[in-house]
Amino acid sequence: MSAIQKNVESASESYSASFTKGHLALPPAKKYLVLTCMDARIDPAQAFGIELGDAHVIRNAGASAVDALRSIVISEQLLGTTEIVLVKHTGCGMLTFKNEDAFGIVEKNLGAEAVEELKKYSPEFLPFPELDKAVEEDVKFLKASKVVPDSVTISGWVYEVETGKTKRVV
């Protein structure tokens, strides 16, 4: 067992010893979802005031609305959320490369067959060159989507990893 696996096991044992939230309902109590980046420097519960059971938290590289659309539809249509809070962040890795760069690295490290397999499921890595503009574009995408009802409230934010502050963009 790796050190990481041992840590998971130990943390689970400690957490479950005093766990009292098993009664929470499946749908999020406050009927919203947060879409944010997978960056390890973001603790969505702490940074955005989310208590266990309050909201769905969807995380992916760059807080991509396109990449998260399947989960957003499930959250809204099957579990009743009515608001989306999209949060990208400063210092995001998605600001540092272009699509062709990422595919080039995959090809170099894993080969052409790996690239073809990846393109079948993810035709783009969805990087972006400008942070605020990327927030605006993702919010615009969600508002224009036929699978996100007009009644859903959508906002876009930037979290500053340097300060812990969050500012509204749109």
N, C-alpha and C. Protein backbone atom coordinates (compact mmCIF):
# COMPACT_ATOMS: atom_id res chain seq x y z
N MET A 1 0.85 -1.18 0.00
CA MET A 1 0.00 0.00 0.00
C MET A 1 0.90 1.25 0.00
N SER A 2 0.58 2.20 -0.88
CA SER A 2 1.37 3.41 -0.96
C SER A 2 1.12 4.32 0.24
N ALA A 3 1.98 5.31 0.43
CA ALA A 3 1.81 6.26 1.53
C ALA A 3 0.51 7.04 1.38
N ILE A 4 0.14 7.37 0.15
CA ILE A 4 -1.12 8.08 -0.11
C ILE A 4 -2.30 7.21 0.30
N GLN A 5 -2.27 5.93 -0.08
CA GLN A 5 -3.36 5.02 0.27
C GLN A 5 -3.47 4.84 1.78
N LYS A 6 -2.33 4.77 2.45
CA LYS A 6 -2.34 4.66 3.91
C LYS A 6 -2.96 5.91 4.53
N ASN A 7 -2.65 7.06 3.97
CA ASN A 7 -3.22 8.32 4.46
C ASN A 7 -4.74 8.33 4.26
N VAL A 8 -5.21 7.89 3.11
CA VAL A 8 -6.65 7.83 2.86
C VAL A 8 -7.32 6.93 3.88
N GLU A 9 -6.75 5.78 4.10
CA GLU A 9 -7.30 4.83 5.06
C GLU A 9 -7.34 5.41 6.47
N SER A 10 -6.26 6.02 6.88
CA SER A 10 -6.16 6.60 8.21
C SER A 10 -7.12 7.79 8.38
N ALA A 11 -7.16 8.66 7.40
CA ALA A 11 -8.05 9.82 7.46
C ALA A 11 -9.51 9.37 7.49
N SER A 12 -9.83 8.36 6.70
CA SER A 12 -11.19 7.83 6.69
C SER A 12 -11.59 7.27 8.05
N GLU A 13 -10.69 6.56 8.65
CA GLU A 13 -10.95 5.99 9.98
C GLU A 13 -11.22 7.10 10.99
N SER A 14 -10.40 8.12 10.97
CA SER A 14 -10.54 9.24 11.90
C SER A 14 -11.84 10.02 11.63
N TYR A 15 -12.11 10.32 10.35
CA TYR A 15 -13.29 11.08 9.95
C TYR A 15 -14.57 10.34 10.31
N SER A 16 -14.62 9.06 9.99
CA SER A 16 -15.84 8.29 10.20
C SER A 16 -16.14 8.06 11.69
N ALA A 17 -15.12 8.14 12.53
CA ALA A 17 -15.32 7.92 13.97
C ALA A 17 -16.25 8.94 14.60
N SER A 18 -16.28 10.16 14.04
CA SER A 18 -17.16 11.19 14.59
C SER A 18 -18.17 11.71 13.56
N PHE A 19 -18.35 10.98 12.46
CA PHE A 19 -19.24 11.41 11.38
C PHE A 19 -20.70 11.32 11.82
N THR A 20 -21.44 12.42 11.62
CA THR A 20 -22.85 12.46 12.02
C THR A 20 -23.76 12.98 10.92
N LYS A 21 -23.27 13.04 9.69
CA LYS A 21 -24.04 13.65 8.61
C LYS A 21 -24.63 12.64 7.63
N GLY A 22 -24.72 11.38 8.00
CA GLY A 22 -25.24 10.35 7.11
C GLY A 22 -26.71 10.51 6.76
N HIS A 23 -27.41 11.36 7.44
CA HIS A 23 -28.83 11.58 7.22
C HIS A 23 -29.12 12.61 6.12
N LEU A 24 -28.10 13.31 5.62
CA LEU A 24 -28.32 14.37 4.64
C LEU A 24 -28.97 13.82 3.37
N ALA A 25 -29.86 14.60 2.78
CA ALA A 25 -30.56 14.21 1.56
C ALA A 25 -29.62 14.23 0.36
N LEU A 26 -29.95 13.47 -0.67
CA LEU A 26 -29.15 13.43 -1.89
C LEU A 26 -29.09 14.78 -2.61
N PRO A 27 -30.22 15.45 -2.84
CA PRO A 27 -30.12 16.76 -3.51
C PRO A 27 -29.46 17.79 -2.60
N PRO A 28 -28.69 18.71 -3.17
CA PRO A 28 -28.07 19.74 -2.33
C PRO A 28 -29.11 20.65 -1.69
N ALA A 29 -28.98 20.86 -0.40
CA ALA A 29 -29.98 21.60 0.39
C ALA A 29 -30.20 23.03 -0.10
N LYS A 30 -29.13 23.67 -0.56
CA LYS A 30 -29.26 25.07 -0.98
C LYS A 30 -29.45 25.21 -2.49
N LYS A 31 -29.60 24.10 -3.18
CA LYS A 31 -29.98 24.05 -4.61
C LYS A 31 -29.05 24.82 -5.55
N TYR A 32 -27.74 24.74 -5.28
CA TYR A 32 -26.81 25.36 -6.21
C TYR A 32 -25.61 24.45 -6.43
N LEU A 33 -24.87 24.78 -7.46
CA LEU A 33 -23.63 24.06 -7.73
C LEU A 33 -22.52 25.06 -7.96
N VAL A 34 -21.33 24.65 -7.58
CA VAL A 34 -20.13 25.44 -7.81
C VAL A 34 -19.28 24.66 -8.80
N LEU A 35 -18.90 25.31 -9.88
CA LEU A 35 -17.98 24.74 -10.85
C LEU A 35 -16.66 25.47 -10.67
N THR A 36 -15.64 24.74 -10.27
CA THR A 36 -14.33 25.35 -10.06
C THR A 36 -13.23 24.43 -10.58
N CYS A 37 -12.03 24.91 -10.53
CA CYS A 37 -10.88 24.18 -11.05
C CYS A 37 -10.45 23.07 -10.09
N MET A 38 -9.75 22.10 -10.63
CA MET A 38 -9.24 20.99 -9.82
C MET A 38 -7.97 21.37 -9.07
N ASP A 39 -7.48 22.58 -9.26
CA ASP A 39 -6.24 23.04 -8.64
C ASP A 39 -6.23 22.74 -7.15
N ALA A 40 -5.16 22.15 -6.68
CA ALA A 40 -5.04 21.72 -5.28
C ALA A 40 -4.96 22.90 -4.30
N ARG A 41 -4.76 24.11 -4.80
CA ARG A 41 -4.69 25.27 -3.93
C ARG A 41 -6.06 25.85 -3.59
N ILE A 42 -7.12 25.26 -4.13
CA ILE A 42 -8.48 25.75 -3.88
C ILE A 42 -9.21 24.76 -2.98
N ASP A 43 -9.72 25.24 -1.87
CA ASP A 43 -10.56 24.46 -0.98
C ASP A 43 -11.96 25.07 -1.09
N PRO A 44 -12.79 24.54 -2.00
CA PRO A 44 -14.09 25.17 -2.25
C PRO A 44 -14.96 25.33 -1.01
N ALA A 45 -14.98 24.35 -0.14
CA ALA A 45 -15.82 24.45 1.06
C ALA A 45 -15.40 25.65 1.90
N GLN A 46 -14.12 25.80 2.14
CA GLN A 46 -13.62 26.91 2.96
C GLN A 46 -13.71 28.24 2.22
N ALA A 47 -13.27 28.26 0.96
CA ALA A 47 -13.19 29.52 0.22
C ALA A 47 -14.56 30.10 -0.12
N PHE A 48 -15.55 29.22 -0.35
CA PHE A 48 -16.85 29.69 -0.82
C PHE A 48 -17.97 29.43 0.18
N GLY A 49 -17.62 29.03 1.40
CA GLY A 49 -18.61 28.87 2.47
C GLY A 49 -19.61 27.75 2.25
N ILE A 50 -19.14 26.62 1.78
CA ILE A 50 -20.04 25.50 1.49
C ILE A 50 -19.99 24.49 2.64
N GLU A 51 -21.12 24.26 3.26
CA GLU A 51 -21.24 23.24 4.29
C GLU A 51 -21.59 21.91 3.63
N LEU A 52 -21.26 20.81 4.27
CA LEU A 52 -21.59 19.49 3.75
C LEU A 52 -23.09 19.40 3.50
N GLY A 53 -23.47 19.00 2.31
CA GLY A 53 -24.87 18.87 1.94
C GLY A 53 -25.49 20.09 1.29
N ASP A 54 -24.79 21.22 1.29
CA ASP A 54 -25.33 22.47 0.74
C ASP A 54 -25.39 22.50 -0.78
N ALA A 55 -24.31 22.06 -1.44
CA ALA A 55 -24.15 22.30 -2.88
C ALA A 55 -23.37 21.18 -3.54
N HIS A 56 -23.56 21.05 -4.84
CA HIS A 56 -22.68 20.20 -5.62
C HIS A 56 -21.42 21.00 -5.93
N VAL A 57 -20.28 20.34 -5.92
CA VAL A 57 -19.03 20.97 -6.33
C VAL A 57 -18.48 20.13 -7.48
N ILE A 58 -18.39 20.77 -8.64
CA ILE A 58 -17.86 20.12 -9.84
C ILE A 58 -16.48 20.71 -10.08
N ARG A 59 -15.49 19.84 -10.22
CA ARG A 59 -14.12 20.32 -10.44
C ARG A 59 -13.55 19.67 -11.68
N ASN A 60 -12.91 20.49 -12.49
CA ASN A 60 -12.16 19.99 -13.63
C ASN A 60 -11.06 20.99 -13.96
N ALA A 61 -10.19 20.63 -14.86
CA ALA A 61 -9.09 21.51 -15.25
C ALA A 61 -9.65 22.80 -15.84
N GLY A 62 -9.38 23.92 -15.19
CA GLY A 62 -9.79 25.23 -15.69
C GLY A 62 -11.22 25.62 -15.40
N ALA A 63 -11.95 24.83 -14.63
CA ALA A 63 -13.37 25.11 -14.36
C ALA A 63 -14.14 25.28 -15.66
N SER A 64 -13.94 24.36 -16.58
CA SER A 64 -14.54 24.43 -17.91
C SER A 64 -16.02 24.06 -17.89
N ALA A 65 -16.85 24.99 -18.34
CA ALA A 65 -18.29 24.74 -18.44
C ALA A 65 -18.58 23.66 -19.48
N VAL A 66 -17.85 23.68 -20.58
CA VAL A 66 -18.03 22.66 -21.63
C VAL A 66 -17.74 21.28 -21.07
N ASP A 67 -16.64 21.14 -20.38
CA ASP A 67 -16.23 19.86 -19.80
C ASP A 67 -17.19 19.40 -18.70
N ALA A 68 -17.84 20.32 -18.02
CA ALA A 68 -18.71 19.99 -16.89
C ALA A 68 -20.18 19.84 -17.27
N LEU A 69 -20.51 20.03 -18.52
CA LEU A 69 -21.92 20.11 -18.92
C LEU A 69 -22.73 18.88 -18.50
N ARG A 70 -22.19 17.69 -18.66
CA ARG A 70 -22.90 16.46 -18.27
C ARG A 70 -23.26 16.51 -16.78
N SER A 71 -22.32 16.88 -15.94
CA SER A 71 -22.57 16.96 -14.50
C SER A 71 -23.55 18.08 -14.15
N ILE A 72 -23.47 19.18 -14.87
CA ILE A 72 -24.40 20.29 -14.65
C ILE A 72 -25.83 19.84 -14.94
N VAL A 73 -26.03 19.14 -16.04
CA VAL A 73 -27.37 18.67 -16.41
C VAL A 73 -27.90 17.70 -15.34
N ILE A 74 -27.06 16.79 -14.89
CA ILE A 74 -27.49 15.85 -13.83
C ILE A 74 -27.87 16.62 -12.57
N SER A 75 -27.04 17.59 -12.19
CA SER A 75 -27.29 18.38 -10.99
C SER A 75 -28.63 19.12 -11.07
N GLU A 76 -28.89 19.72 -12.22
CA GLU A 76 -30.12 20.50 -12.38
C GLU A 76 -31.34 19.63 -12.64
N GLN A 77 -31.26 18.77 -13.63
CA GLN A 77 -32.43 18.03 -14.07
C GLN A 77 -32.83 16.89 -13.14
N LEU A 78 -31.86 16.25 -12.52
CA LEU A 78 -32.16 15.11 -11.66
C LEU A 78 -32.13 15.45 -10.17
N LEU A 79 -31.40 16.50 -9.81
CA LEU A 79 -31.22 16.78 -8.39
C LEU A 79 -31.62 18.19 -7.97
N GLY A 80 -32.22 18.95 -8.89
CA GLY A 80 -32.92 20.17 -8.53
C GLY A 80 -32.14 21.44 -8.28
N THR A 81 -30.88 21.51 -8.71
CA THR A 81 -30.17 22.78 -8.48
C THR A 81 -30.72 23.86 -9.41
N THR A 82 -30.66 25.10 -8.94
CA THR A 82 -31.24 26.22 -9.68
C THR A 82 -30.26 27.38 -9.86
N GLU A 83 -29.01 27.16 -9.45
CA GLU A 83 -28.02 28.23 -9.59
C GLU A 83 -26.65 27.63 -9.84
N ILE A 84 -25.86 28.32 -10.68
CA ILE A 84 -24.49 27.91 -10.99
C ILE A 84 -23.56 29.04 -10.60
N VAL A 85 -22.54 28.72 -9.81
CA VAL A 85 -21.48 29.66 -9.46
C VAL A 85 -20.21 29.11 -10.10
N LEU A 86 -19.73 29.77 -11.14
CA LEU A 86 -18.54 29.34 -11.87
C LEU A 86 -17.34 30.14 -11.35
N VAL A 87 -16.30 29.43 -10.91
CA VAL A 87 -15.14 30.10 -10.32
C VAL A 87 -13.85 29.59 -10.94
N LYS A 88 -13.20 30.45 -11.73
CA LYS A 88 -11.85 30.17 -12.23
C LYS A 88 -10.87 30.82 -11.25
N HIS A 89 -9.57 30.75 -11.51
CA HIS A 89 -8.62 31.30 -10.54
C HIS A 89 -7.35 31.81 -11.17
N THR A 90 -6.68 32.69 -10.43
CA THR A 90 -5.40 33.22 -10.87
C THR A 90 -4.37 32.09 -10.85
N GLY A 91 -3.36 32.23 -11.67
CA GLY A 91 -2.28 31.24 -11.71
C GLY A 91 -2.71 29.88 -12.23
N CYS A 92 -3.78 29.82 -12.99
CA CYS A 92 -4.29 28.55 -13.49
C CYS A 92 -3.36 27.98 -14.57
N GLY A 93 -3.14 26.70 -14.51
CA GLY A 93 -2.31 26.03 -15.50
C GLY A 93 -2.88 26.12 -16.91
N MET A 94 -4.19 26.30 -17.03
CA MET A 94 -4.82 26.40 -18.35
C MET A 94 -4.44 27.68 -19.09
N LEU A 95 -3.83 28.61 -18.38
CA LEU A 95 -3.34 29.85 -18.98
C LEU A 95 -1.95 29.68 -19.60
N THR A 96 -1.32 28.53 -19.39
CA THR A 96 0.11 28.37 -19.70
C THR A 96 0.42 27.59 -20.96
N PHE A 97 -0.57 27.10 -21.67
CA PHE A 97 -0.30 26.29 -22.85
C PHE A 97 -1.41 26.43 -23.88
N LYS A 98 -1.13 25.91 -25.08
CA LYS A 98 -2.12 25.86 -26.15
C LYS A 98 -2.50 24.39 -26.35
N ASN A 99 -3.61 24.18 -27.00
CA ASN A 99 -4.11 22.84 -27.26
C ASN A 99 -3.05 21.94 -27.90
N GLU A 100 -2.40 22.45 -28.93
CA GLU A 100 -1.40 21.64 -29.65
C GLU A 100 -0.20 21.28 -28.77
N ASP A 101 0.13 22.15 -27.81
CA ASP A 101 1.22 21.85 -26.88
C ASP A 101 0.89 20.61 -26.04
N ALA A 102 -0.34 20.58 -25.51
CA ALA A 102 -0.75 19.45 -24.67
C ALA A 102 -0.79 18.15 -25.46
N PHE A 103 -1.36 18.20 -26.66
CA PHE A 103 -1.38 16.98 -27.49
C PHE A 103 0.02 16.54 -27.85
N GLY A 104 0.93 17.50 -28.07
CA GLY A 104 2.32 17.17 -28.37
C GLY A 104 3.00 16.45 -27.21
N ILE A 105 2.74 16.87 -26.00
CA ILE A 105 3.32 16.22 -24.82
C ILE A 105 2.77 14.81 -24.66
N VAL A 106 1.47 14.66 -24.88
CA VAL A 106 0.87 13.33 -24.79
C VAL A 106 1.49 12.41 -25.83
N GLU A 107 1.66 12.91 -27.04
CA GLU A 107 2.25 12.08 -28.09
C GLU A 107 3.70 11.71 -27.75
N LYS A 108 4.45 12.68 -27.27
CA LYS A 108 5.85 12.42 -26.91
C LYS A 108 5.95 11.37 -25.80
N ASN A 109 5.12 11.50 -24.78
CA ASN A 109 5.22 10.63 -23.61
C ASN A 109 4.48 9.30 -23.75
N LEU A 110 3.36 9.31 -24.50
CA LEU A 110 2.52 8.12 -24.54
C LEU A 110 2.28 7.55 -25.93
N GLY A 111 2.62 8.32 -26.97
CA GLY A 111 2.50 7.81 -28.33
C GLY A 111 1.25 8.29 -29.06
N ALA A 112 1.28 8.06 -30.38
CA ALA A 112 0.21 8.52 -31.27
C ALA A 112 -1.12 7.85 -30.96
N GLU A 113 -1.10 6.59 -30.58
CA GLU A 113 -2.35 5.89 -30.26
C GLU A 113 -3.03 6.52 -29.04
N ALA A 114 -2.25 6.97 -28.09
CA ALA A 114 -2.81 7.64 -26.92
C ALA A 114 -3.48 8.95 -27.32
N VAL A 115 -2.86 9.68 -28.24
CA VAL A 115 -3.45 10.93 -28.72
C VAL A 115 -4.79 10.65 -29.40
N GLU A 116 -4.83 9.64 -30.23
CA GLU A 116 -6.07 9.30 -30.94
C GLU A 116 -7.17 8.90 -29.95
N GLU A 117 -6.81 8.12 -28.95
CA GLU A 117 -7.80 7.73 -27.94
C GLU A 117 -8.30 8.96 -27.19
N LEU A 118 -7.40 9.83 -26.80
CA LEU A 118 -7.78 11.03 -26.08
C LEU A 118 -8.69 11.91 -26.92
N LYS A 119 -8.36 12.11 -28.19
CA LYS A 119 -9.16 12.96 -29.07
C LYS A 119 -10.57 12.41 -29.26
N LYS A 120 -10.71 11.09 -29.15
CA LYS A 120 -12.03 10.46 -29.29
C LYS A 120 -12.95 10.92 -28.14
N TYR A 121 -12.41 11.07 -26.95
CA TYR A 121 -13.21 11.45 -25.79
C TYR A 121 -13.11 12.93 -25.45
N SER A 122 -11.96 13.52 -25.69
CA SER A 122 -11.73 14.93 -25.38
C SER A 122 -11.00 15.57 -26.55
N PRO A 123 -11.74 16.09 -27.52
CA PRO A 123 -11.08 16.64 -28.71
C PRO A 123 -10.25 17.89 -28.45
N GLU A 124 -10.44 18.52 -27.29
CA GLU A 124 -9.66 19.71 -26.94
C GLU A 124 -9.33 19.68 -25.45
N PHE A 125 -8.23 20.35 -25.08
CA PHE A 125 -7.87 20.52 -23.68
C PHE A 125 -8.53 21.76 -23.07
N LEU A 126 -9.07 22.63 -23.93
CA LEU A 126 -9.80 23.83 -23.52
C LEU A 126 -8.96 24.83 -22.71
N PRO A 127 -7.72 25.10 -23.13
CA PRO A 127 -6.94 26.13 -22.44
C PRO A 127 -7.50 27.51 -22.78
N PHE A 128 -7.08 28.52 -22.05
CA PHE A 128 -7.53 29.88 -22.33
C PHE A 128 -6.40 30.86 -22.04
N PRO A 129 -6.28 31.95 -22.84
CA PRO A 129 -5.19 32.90 -22.65
C PRO A 129 -5.50 34.06 -21.70
N GLU A 130 -6.80 34.35 -21.46
CA GLU A 130 -7.18 35.48 -20.62
C GLU A 130 -8.22 35.04 -19.60
N LEU A 131 -7.92 35.23 -18.33
CA LEU A 131 -8.74 34.72 -17.24
C LEU A 131 -10.15 35.30 -17.21
N ASP A 132 -10.29 36.60 -17.08
CA ASP A 132 -11.62 37.21 -16.99
C ASP A 132 -12.45 36.91 -18.22
N LYS A 133 -11.82 36.96 -19.39
CA LYS A 133 -12.52 36.67 -20.64
C LYS A 133 -13.01 35.22 -20.65
N ALA A 134 -12.22 34.30 -20.11
CA ALA A 134 -12.62 32.89 -20.05
C ALA A 134 -13.83 32.72 -19.14
N VAL A 135 -13.88 33.45 -18.04
CA VAL A 135 -15.05 33.41 -17.15
C VAL A 135 -16.27 33.89 -17.91
N GLU A 136 -16.14 35.04 -18.57
CA GLU A 136 -17.26 35.61 -19.34
C GLU A 136 -17.73 34.65 -20.43
N GLU A 137 -16.80 34.01 -21.13
CA GLU A 137 -17.16 33.09 -22.21
C GLU A 137 -17.88 31.85 -21.68
N ASP A 138 -17.42 31.31 -20.55
CA ASP A 138 -18.09 30.14 -19.98
C ASP A 138 -19.49 30.48 -19.48
N VAL A 139 -19.67 31.64 -18.87
CA VAL A 139 -21.00 32.06 -18.43
C VAL A 139 -21.90 32.25 -19.64
N LYS A 140 -21.38 32.87 -20.68
CA LYS A 140 -22.14 33.07 -21.92
C LYS A 140 -22.54 31.72 -22.53
N PHE A 141 -21.61 30.76 -22.52
CA PHE A 141 -21.89 29.42 -23.04
C PHE A 141 -23.04 28.78 -22.26
N LEU A 142 -22.99 28.85 -20.93
CA LEU A 142 -24.04 28.25 -20.11
C LEU A 142 -25.39 28.92 -20.34
N LYS A 143 -25.38 30.24 -20.43
CA LYS A 143 -26.64 30.97 -20.64
C LYS A 143 -27.25 30.67 -22.01
N ALA A 144 -26.41 30.37 -22.99
CA ALA A 144 -26.90 30.08 -24.34
C ALA A 144 -27.27 28.60 -24.52
N SER A 145 -26.85 27.76 -23.62
CA SER A 145 -27.07 26.32 -23.76
C SER A 145 -28.54 25.95 -23.64
N LYS A 146 -28.99 25.07 -24.51
CA LYS A 146 -30.37 24.57 -24.48
C LYS A 146 -30.60 23.63 -23.29
N VAL A 147 -29.53 23.10 -22.70
CA VAL A 147 -29.68 22.17 -21.58
C VAL A 147 -29.59 22.86 -20.21
N VAL A 148 -29.41 24.17 -20.22
CA VAL A 148 -29.43 24.95 -18.98
C VAL A 148 -30.63 25.89 -19.09
N PRO A 149 -31.67 25.64 -18.31
CA PRO A 149 -32.88 26.47 -18.40
C PRO A 149 -32.60 27.95 -18.11
N ASP A 150 -33.38 28.81 -18.74
CA ASP A 150 -33.25 30.26 -18.52
C ASP A 150 -33.49 30.64 -17.06
N SER A 151 -34.20 29.82 -16.34
CA SER A 151 -34.51 30.11 -14.94
C SER A 151 -33.32 29.90 -14.01
N VAL A 152 -32.26 29.27 -14.51
CA VAL A 152 -31.07 29.03 -13.68
C VAL A 152 -30.25 30.31 -13.57
N THR A 153 -29.92 30.71 -12.36
CA THR A 153 -29.09 31.88 -12.11
C THR A 153 -27.63 31.46 -12.30
N ILE A 154 -26.87 32.26 -13.07
CA ILE A 154 -25.47 31.93 -13.37
C ILE A 154 -24.61 33.14 -13.09
N SER A 155 -23.52 32.93 -12.35
CA SER A 155 -22.55 34.00 -12.11
C SER A 155 -21.15 33.47 -12.32
N GLY A 156 -20.22 34.39 -12.61
CA GLY A 156 -18.83 34.02 -12.86
C GLY A 156 -17.88 34.80 -11.97
N TRP A 157 -16.88 34.10 -11.43
CA TRP A 157 -15.99 34.66 -10.42
C TRP A 157 -14.54 34.28 -10.71
N VAL A 158 -13.62 35.02 -10.08
CA VAL A 158 -12.20 34.66 -10.09
C VAL A 158 -11.73 34.60 -8.64
N TYR A 159 -11.13 33.46 -8.31
CA TYR A 159 -10.54 33.25 -6.98
C TYR A 159 -9.05 33.57 -7.10
N GLU A 160 -8.54 34.38 -6.19
CA GLU A 160 -7.13 34.74 -6.18
C GLU A 160 -6.38 33.78 -5.26
N VAL A 161 -5.57 32.90 -5.85
CA VAL A 161 -4.86 31.92 -5.02
C VAL A 161 -3.83 32.60 -4.12
N GLU A 162 -3.41 33.78 -4.49
CA GLU A 162 -2.40 34.50 -3.70
C GLU A 162 -2.97 35.09 -2.41
N THR A 163 -4.28 35.45 -2.43
CA THR A 163 -4.87 36.15 -1.29
C THR A 163 -6.06 35.41 -0.65
N GLY A 164 -6.64 34.47 -1.38
CA GLY A 164 -7.83 33.78 -0.89
C GLY A 164 -9.12 34.54 -1.17
N LYS A 165 -9.02 35.71 -1.82
CA LYS A 165 -10.20 36.51 -2.11
C LYS A 165 -10.86 36.04 -3.41
N THR A 166 -12.17 36.26 -3.49
CA THR A 166 -12.93 35.93 -4.69
C THR A 166 -13.61 37.20 -5.16
N LYS A 167 -13.49 37.49 -6.47
CA LYS A 167 -14.16 38.68 -7.02
C LYS A 167 -15.12 38.26 -8.14
N ARG A 168 -16.24 38.94 -8.19
CA ARG A 168 -17.23 38.66 -9.23
C ARG A 168 -16.80 39.31 -10.54
N VAL A 169 -16.88 38.53 -11.62
CA VAL A 169 -16.57 39.04 -12.96
C VAL A 169 -17.86 39.32 -13.71
N VAL A 170 -18.79 38.42 -13.62
CA VAL A 170 -20.08 38.57 -14.31
C VAL A 170 -21.18 37.85 -13.53
